[in-house]
Protein backbone atom coordinates (compact mmCIF):
# COMPACT_ATOMS: atom_id res chain seq x y z
CA MET A 1 -26.16 41.90 18.77
CA PRO A 2 -25.64 44.84 21.11
CA ASN A 3 -23.20 47.58 20.31
CA ILE A 4 -19.60 46.72 21.25
CA LYS A 5 -19.81 49.47 23.88
CA ASN A 6 -22.74 47.73 25.59
CA LEU A 7 -21.43 44.20 26.08
CA THR A 8 -21.87 42.35 29.35
CA SER A 9 -19.49 39.73 30.67
CA ASP A 10 -22.18 37.05 30.18
CA GLN A 11 -22.30 37.87 26.46
CA ILE A 12 -18.50 37.81 26.12
CA ILE A 13 -18.18 34.50 27.98
CA LYS A 14 -20.93 32.90 25.88
CA PHE A 15 -19.24 34.09 22.67
CA LEU A 16 -15.83 32.80 23.74
CA LEU A 17 -17.32 29.41 24.64
CA ASN A 18 -18.95 29.23 21.20
CA ILE A 19 -15.66 29.83 19.38
CA GLY A 20 -13.79 27.14 21.27
CA PHE A 21 -12.56 28.64 24.53
CA GLU A 22 -13.09 26.63 27.69
CA ILE A 23 -13.42 27.77 31.28
CA ILE A 24 -10.40 26.56 33.22
CA HIS A 25 -10.90 28.41 36.48
CA GLN A 26 -13.33 30.75 38.15
CA GLU A 27 -12.60 32.57 41.35
CA TRP A 28 -14.89 35.23 42.78
CA SER A 29 -15.81 37.53 39.93
CA HIS A 30 -13.22 36.50 37.34
CA VAL A 31 -13.38 33.68 34.82
CA GLN A 32 -10.18 32.34 33.26
CA MET A 33 -10.58 30.84 29.81
CA ARG A 34 -8.20 29.04 27.46
CA ARG A 35 -7.99 27.94 23.84
CA TRP A 36 -4.74 26.37 22.70
CA TYR A 37 -2.01 28.70 23.93
CA LEU A 38 -4.31 31.72 24.36
CA ARG A 39 -5.44 32.58 27.85
CA VAL A 40 -7.77 35.36 28.95
CA THR A 41 -9.39 36.49 32.18
CA VAL A 42 -12.89 37.93 31.88
CA PRO A 43 -14.37 39.89 34.78
CA HIS A 44 -17.76 38.36 35.56
CA HIS A 45 -20.19 40.84 37.04
CA GLY A 46 -23.43 39.43 35.62
CA LYS A 47 -25.56 41.94 33.74
CA LYS A 48 -23.19 44.87 34.28
CA VAL A 49 -21.81 46.43 31.08
CA LEU A 50 -18.05 46.07 30.73
CA ASN A 51 -15.78 49.07 30.26
CA ILE A 52 -14.85 49.54 26.59
CA LYS A 53 -11.13 49.30 27.46
CA THR A 54 -11.76 45.91 29.06
CA VAL A 55 -13.61 44.71 25.95
CA TYR A 56 -10.73 45.83 23.71
CA SER A 57 -8.25 44.10 26.01
CA ILE A 58 -10.20 40.84 25.70
CA ILE A 59 -10.30 41.25 21.90
CA ARG A 60 -6.54 41.80 21.80
CA GLN A 61 -5.74 38.86 24.09
CA THR A 62 -7.94 36.39 22.19
CA ASN A 63 -6.83 37.39 18.67
CA ILE A 64 -10.40 37.98 17.49
CA THR A 65 -11.60 41.00 15.54
CA LYS A 66 -14.27 43.53 16.40
CA GLU A 67 -16.20 42.23 13.39
CA ASP A 68 -16.19 38.69 14.84
CA LEU A 69 -17.55 40.03 18.09
CA GLN A 70 -20.25 42.06 16.32
CA GLN A 71 -21.47 38.93 14.48
CA MET A 72 -22.27 36.99 17.63
């Protein structure tokens, strides 16, 4: 597992799919995902590392912990 500061959008999307999120829409470089009432948009720029503030925003919106993300 890479450091939380070095996560790519591909890794985040794969993790969210594994914990039950589903892709509901993708337009250009953004993927919208949903699980129950939770909804999150993940910027999808391939192998590019996401900004740490973006990663924390995704964590906050999906109600997961940093520890969950580090165990992927």
